[in-house]
Protein backbone atom coordinates (compact mmCIF):
# COMPACT_ATOMS: atom_id res chain seq x y z
CA MET A 1 4.46 9.30 -15.64
CA THR A 2 4.47 10.47 -12.05
CA GLU A 3 8.04 9.88 -10.89
CA VAL A 4 10.33 12.88 -10.41
CA ILE A 5 14.01 13.39 -11.08
CA THR A 6 16.00 14.31 -7.98
CA GLU A 7 19.09 16.48 -7.83
CA ASN A 8 21.30 13.40 -8.12
CA SER A 9 19.49 12.39 -11.35
CA ILE A 10 17.63 9.40 -9.84
CA LYS A 11 14.02 8.84 -10.82
CA VAL A 12 12.07 8.60 -7.59
CA PRO A 13 8.66 6.90 -7.71
CA GLN A 14 5.93 9.12 -6.36
CA HIS A 15 3.70 6.26 -5.24
CA VAL A 16 5.15 3.03 -3.85
CA ALA A 17 3.17 0.04 -2.58
CA ILE A 18 4.65 -2.83 -0.59
CA ILE A 19 3.41 -6.36 0.01
CA MET A 20 5.00 -7.00 3.40
CA ASP A 21 5.61 -10.75 3.17
CA GLY A 22 7.84 -13.11 5.15
CA ASN A 23 7.10 -12.35 8.79
CA GLY A 24 6.13 -15.92 9.62
CA ARG A 25 9.09 -17.51 7.85
CA TRP A 26 11.49 -15.01 9.44
CA ALA A 27 10.24 -16.07 12.87
CA GLN A 28 10.29 -19.78 12.08
CA GLN A 29 13.89 -19.58 10.91
CA ARG A 30 14.72 -18.29 14.39
CA GLY A 31 12.65 -20.86 16.26
CA LYS A 32 10.05 -18.26 17.21
CA SER A 33 6.31 -18.11 16.77
CA ARG A 34 4.82 -16.47 13.68
CA VAL A 35 3.47 -13.79 15.96
CA ALA A 36 7.03 -12.76 16.84
CA GLY A 37 7.65 -12.19 13.14
CA HIS A 38 4.67 -9.87 12.84
CA LYS A 39 5.86 -7.86 15.84
CA SER A 40 9.37 -7.56 14.38
CA GLY A 41 7.86 -6.41 11.12
CA VAL A 42 6.56 -3.25 12.81
CA GLU A 43 10.09 -1.86 12.85
CA SER A 44 10.35 -2.37 9.09
CA VAL A 45 7.14 -0.35 8.71
CA ARG A 46 8.73 2.51 10.65
CA THR A 47 11.88 2.29 8.55
CA SER A 48 9.93 2.21 5.27
CA VAL A 49 7.91 5.26 6.24
CA SER A 50 11.01 7.25 7.20
CA THR A 51 12.87 6.16 4.08
CA ALA A 52 9.94 7.12 1.85
CA ILE A 53 9.82 10.56 3.45
CA LYS A 54 13.58 11.03 2.99
CA GLN A 55 13.29 10.04 -0.69
CA GLY A 56 10.46 12.49 -1.33
CA ILE A 57 7.90 9.80 -2.11
CA LYS A 58 4.40 11.28 -2.08
CA ALA A 59 2.39 8.14 -1.27
CA LEU A 60 3.26 4.85 0.42
CA THR A 61 0.71 2.04 0.49
CA LEU A 62 1.29 -1.02 2.71
CA PHE A 63 -0.57 -4.35 2.43
CA ALA A 64 -1.18 -5.23 6.07
CA PHE A 65 -4.12 -7.68 6.00
CA SER A 66 -5.85 -9.11 2.98
CA SER A 67 -9.47 -10.21 2.78
CA GLU A 68 -8.09 -13.75 2.42
CA ASN A 69 -6.05 -13.52 5.64
CA TRP A 70 -9.14 -14.28 7.76
CA GLN A 71 -8.51 -17.91 6.79
CA ARG A 72 -5.33 -17.97 8.91
CA PRO A 73 -5.33 -19.58 12.39
CA GLU A 74 -7.69 -17.74 14.70
CA GLN A 75 -4.93 -17.00 17.24
CA GLU A 76 -2.73 -15.39 14.56
CA VAL A 77 -5.60 -13.25 13.27
CA SER A 78 -6.40 -12.16 16.84
CA VAL A 79 -2.81 -11.14 17.43
CA LEU A 80 -2.70 -9.24 14.16
CA MET A 81 -5.79 -7.26 15.18
CA ASP A 82 -4.25 -6.47 18.56
CA LEU A 83 -1.01 -5.46 16.85
CA PHE A 84 -2.91 -3.21 14.44
CA MET A 85 -4.56 -1.47 17.42
CA PHE A 86 -1.23 -1.12 19.21
CA VAL A 87 0.51 0.36 16.19
CA LEU A 88 -2.31 2.84 15.59
CA THR A 89 -2.16 3.93 19.23
CA ARG A 90 1.61 4.29 19.29
CA GLU A 91 2.51 5.44 15.78
CA VAL A 92 -0.19 7.77 14.53
CA LYS A 93 0.91 10.65 16.75
CA LYS A 94 4.39 10.32 15.27
CA LEU A 95 2.96 10.34 11.77
CA HIS A 96 0.96 13.44 12.61
CA LYS A 97 4.09 15.15 13.96
CA ASN A 98 5.79 14.46 10.64
CA ASP A 99 2.85 15.88 8.62
CA VAL A 100 1.92 12.44 7.24
CA ARG A 101 -1.69 11.81 6.28
CA PHE A 102 -2.90 8.37 7.31
CA GLN A 103 -5.73 6.36 5.82
CA VAL A 104 -6.94 2.78 5.80
CA ILE A 105 -8.28 1.24 2.59
CA GLY A 106 -10.43 -1.88 2.57
CA ASP A 107 -13.65 -3.09 4.12
CA VAL A 108 -13.18 -2.12 7.76
CA SER A 109 -16.75 -3.15 8.68
CA ARG A 110 -15.54 -6.57 9.71
CA PHE A 111 -13.26 -5.18 12.37
CA SER A 112 -14.32 -4.64 15.98
CA ASP A 113 -16.09 -1.40 16.87
CA LYS A 114 -13.09 -0.43 18.99
CA LEU A 115 -10.67 -0.87 16.08
CA GLN A 116 -12.99 0.92 13.66
CA LYS A 117 -13.11 3.90 16.02
CA LYS A 118 -9.32 3.92 16.38
CA ILE A 119 -8.98 3.90 12.59
CA LYS A 120 -11.41 6.81 12.23
CA ASP A 121 -9.73 8.76 15.00
CA SER A 122 -6.34 8.25 13.37
CA GLU A 123 -7.62 9.35 9.96
CA ASP A 124 -9.31 12.40 11.45
CA LEU A 125 -6.20 13.43 13.38
CA THR A 126 -4.05 13.48 10.21
CA ALA A 127 -6.71 14.49 7.69
CA ASN A 128 -5.31 17.97 7.06
CA ASN A 129 -1.64 17.01 6.87
CA LYS A 130 0.14 17.98 3.65
CA GLY A 131 3.06 15.58 3.61
CA MET A 132 3.25 11.98 2.43
CA VAL A 133 0.09 9.90 2.40
CA LEU A 134 0.46 6.55 4.20
CA SER A 135 -2.28 4.13 3.20
CA VAL A 136 -2.64 0.83 5.03
CA ALA A 137 -4.62 -1.84 3.21
CA ALA A 138 -6.56 -3.87 5.78
CA ASN A 139 -9.23 -6.42 4.90
CA TYR A 140 -8.46 -5.32 1.39
CA GLY A 141 -8.54 -7.18 -1.91
CA GLY A 142 -7.95 -5.86 -5.41
CA ARG A 143 -11.02 -7.63 -6.78
CA TRP A 144 -13.11 -6.22 -3.93
CA ASP A 145 -11.84 -2.73 -4.81
CA ILE A 146 -12.89 -3.06 -8.46
CA VAL A 147 -16.27 -4.61 -7.61
CA ASN A 148 -16.93 -1.89 -5.05
CA ALA A 149 -16.22 0.81 -7.62
CA ALA A 150 -18.39 -0.96 -10.19
CA LYS A 151 -21.29 -1.07 -7.71
CA ILE A 152 -21.08 2.69 -7.15
CA VAL A 153 -21.07 3.33 -10.92
CA ALA A 154 -23.98 0.90 -11.35
CA GLU A 155 -26.00 2.78 -8.71
CA LYS A 156 -25.40 6.05 -10.51
CA VAL A 157 -26.62 4.51 -13.78
CA ALA A 158 -29.68 3.11 -12.02
CA ASN A 159 -30.40 6.55 -10.52
CA ASN A 160 -30.03 8.18 -13.94
CA THR A 161 -27.15 10.35 -12.70
CA LEU A 162 -24.72 8.68 -15.09
CA SER A 163 -25.14 7.39 -18.63
CA VAL A 164 -23.70 4.03 -19.57
CA ASP A 165 -22.13 5.66 -22.64
CA ASP A 166 -20.23 8.05 -20.35
CA ILE A 167 -18.49 5.32 -18.37
CA THR A 168 -14.74 5.34 -18.96
CA GLU A 169 -11.64 4.04 -17.19
CA ASP A 170 -11.44 7.41 -15.44
CA THR A 171 -15.04 7.01 -14.24
CA LEU A 172 -14.32 3.66 -12.58
CA ASN A 173 -10.96 4.85 -11.26
CA GLU A 174 -12.69 7.73 -9.50
CA TYR A 175 -14.34 5.25 -7.10
CA THR A 176 -11.39 3.00 -6.38
CA SER A 177 -9.64 3.16 -3.04
CA LEU A 178 -6.60 5.22 -4.04
CA ALA A 179 -8.21 7.57 -6.57
CA ASN A 180 -6.97 10.60 -4.62
CA LEU A 181 -3.29 9.61 -4.95
CA PRO A 182 -0.66 9.67 -7.72
CA GLU A 183 -0.74 6.64 -10.00
CA LEU A 184 1.15 3.66 -8.62
CA ASP A 185 4.73 3.69 -9.88
CA LEU A 186 6.42 0.85 -7.99
CA LEU A 187 5.03 -2.29 -6.38
CA ILE A 188 7.48 -4.13 -4.09
CA ARG A 189 7.00 -7.62 -2.68
CA THR A 190 9.33 -8.97 -0.03
CA GLY A 191 9.66 -12.61 0.97
CA GLY A 192 10.65 -14.25 -2.32
CA ASP A 193 7.30 -14.96 -3.92
CA PHE A 194 6.53 -13.73 -7.43
CA ARG A 195 2.87 -12.73 -7.33
CA ILE A 196 0.80 -9.72 -6.28
CA SER A 197 -1.79 -11.69 -4.28
CA ASN A 198 -4.91 -9.69 -5.20
CA PHE A 199 -3.30 -6.40 -4.19
CA LEU A 200 -4.03 -3.18 -6.12
CA LEU A 201 -5.02 -5.05 -9.29
CA TRP A 202 -6.48 -1.95 -10.94
CA GLN A 203 -3.75 0.41 -9.75
CA ALA A 204 -0.83 -1.87 -10.74
CA ALA A 205 -1.68 -1.87 -14.46
CA TYR A 206 1.50 0.04 -15.37
CA ALA A 207 3.44 -0.15 -12.11
CA GLU A 208 6.97 -1.47 -12.11
CA LEU A 209 7.16 -4.73 -10.14
CA TYR A 210 10.08 -5.48 -7.81
CA PHE A 211 10.47 -8.79 -6.04
CA THR A 212 13.08 -9.47 -3.36
CA ASP A 213 13.99 -12.53 -1.32
CA THR A 214 14.45 -10.31 1.73
CA LEU A 215 11.93 -11.20 4.42
CA TRP A 216 9.89 -8.26 5.67
CA PRO A 217 11.51 -7.89 9.14
CA ASP A 218 14.87 -7.59 7.33
CA PHE A 219 13.65 -5.00 4.84
CA ASP A 220 15.68 -2.01 5.96
CA GLU A 221 16.56 1.39 4.44
CA GLU A 222 19.28 -0.15 2.29
CA ALA A 223 16.82 -2.71 0.87
CA PHE A 224 14.24 -0.01 0.14
CA ASN A 225 16.83 2.15 -1.57
CA ALA A 226 17.89 -0.86 -3.67
CA ALA A 227 14.32 -1.12 -4.94
CA ILE A 228 14.27 2.58 -5.80
CA ASN A 229 17.61 2.30 -7.60
CA CYS A 230 16.23 -0.63 -9.62
CA PHE A 231 13.18 1.49 -10.51
CA ASP A 232 15.55 4.19 -11.71
CA GLN A 233 17.00 1.75 -14.24
CA ARG A 234 13.64 0.76 -15.73
CA GLU A 235 12.46 2.19 -19.03
CA ARG A 236 8.79 3.00 -18.65
CA ARG A 237 7.15 2.97 -22.08
CA PHE A 238 3.42 2.92 -21.32
CA GLY A 239 2.67 1.23 -24.64
CA GLN A 240 5.11 3.32 -26.68
CA THR A 241 8.39 2.21 -28.17
CA GLY A 242 11.74 2.83 -26.47
CA GLU A 243 12.62 5.34 -29.21
CA GLN A 244 9.43 7.34 -28.58
CA VAL A 245 10.12 7.52 -24.82
CA LYS A 246 13.64 8.88 -25.39
CA ILE A 247 12.40 11.77 -27.56
């Protein structure tokens, strides 16, 4: 258990992840291009970061671009890359000012050299910050994360630096993308779909799942707080009985 009890007796998740879904549909409902929806979604990112900080959340992980999203129309992918660059340029200094540590998880090798440099510069700028950790999953997939960790463990076995008999869940977890963060407590998906779309498969094993019809550009502070309040009502048993948890 990693959540904490605040002064007003609400359990606050220490690590929250969000699948930011619904940008395209939000735009289409307004007769706009899908790109307009992605741009409007940036404000919801700002709001979610500020709300997480207010609530005392230690880690916020946002699903920005999956490894499957490359299959989208080329123009939309191009705009998403440009938007990612723009947001990094404009927002990272604000994150740094608020003592937020920023990191990108996923296979960034497919991005342009310019974007890779911007990512590294942003991570380096905030590396020593002690506040909330904001992780952005870009060209990320949960299966990729597990396979990547398994490859590292396999290399250690092949190099005789690790015995097969010593491999445990903790061993594999050590090489997953978010090993340095608190365990995932709450996974939110906006946009009305009921799936996790290959996001944080390993980390979500005991996370509470929260699905909302709210489209991402409409996901404001009130909507985020509603998810936290719902989390507060959940009984987290981790394999035990309800009676055991209450002891």
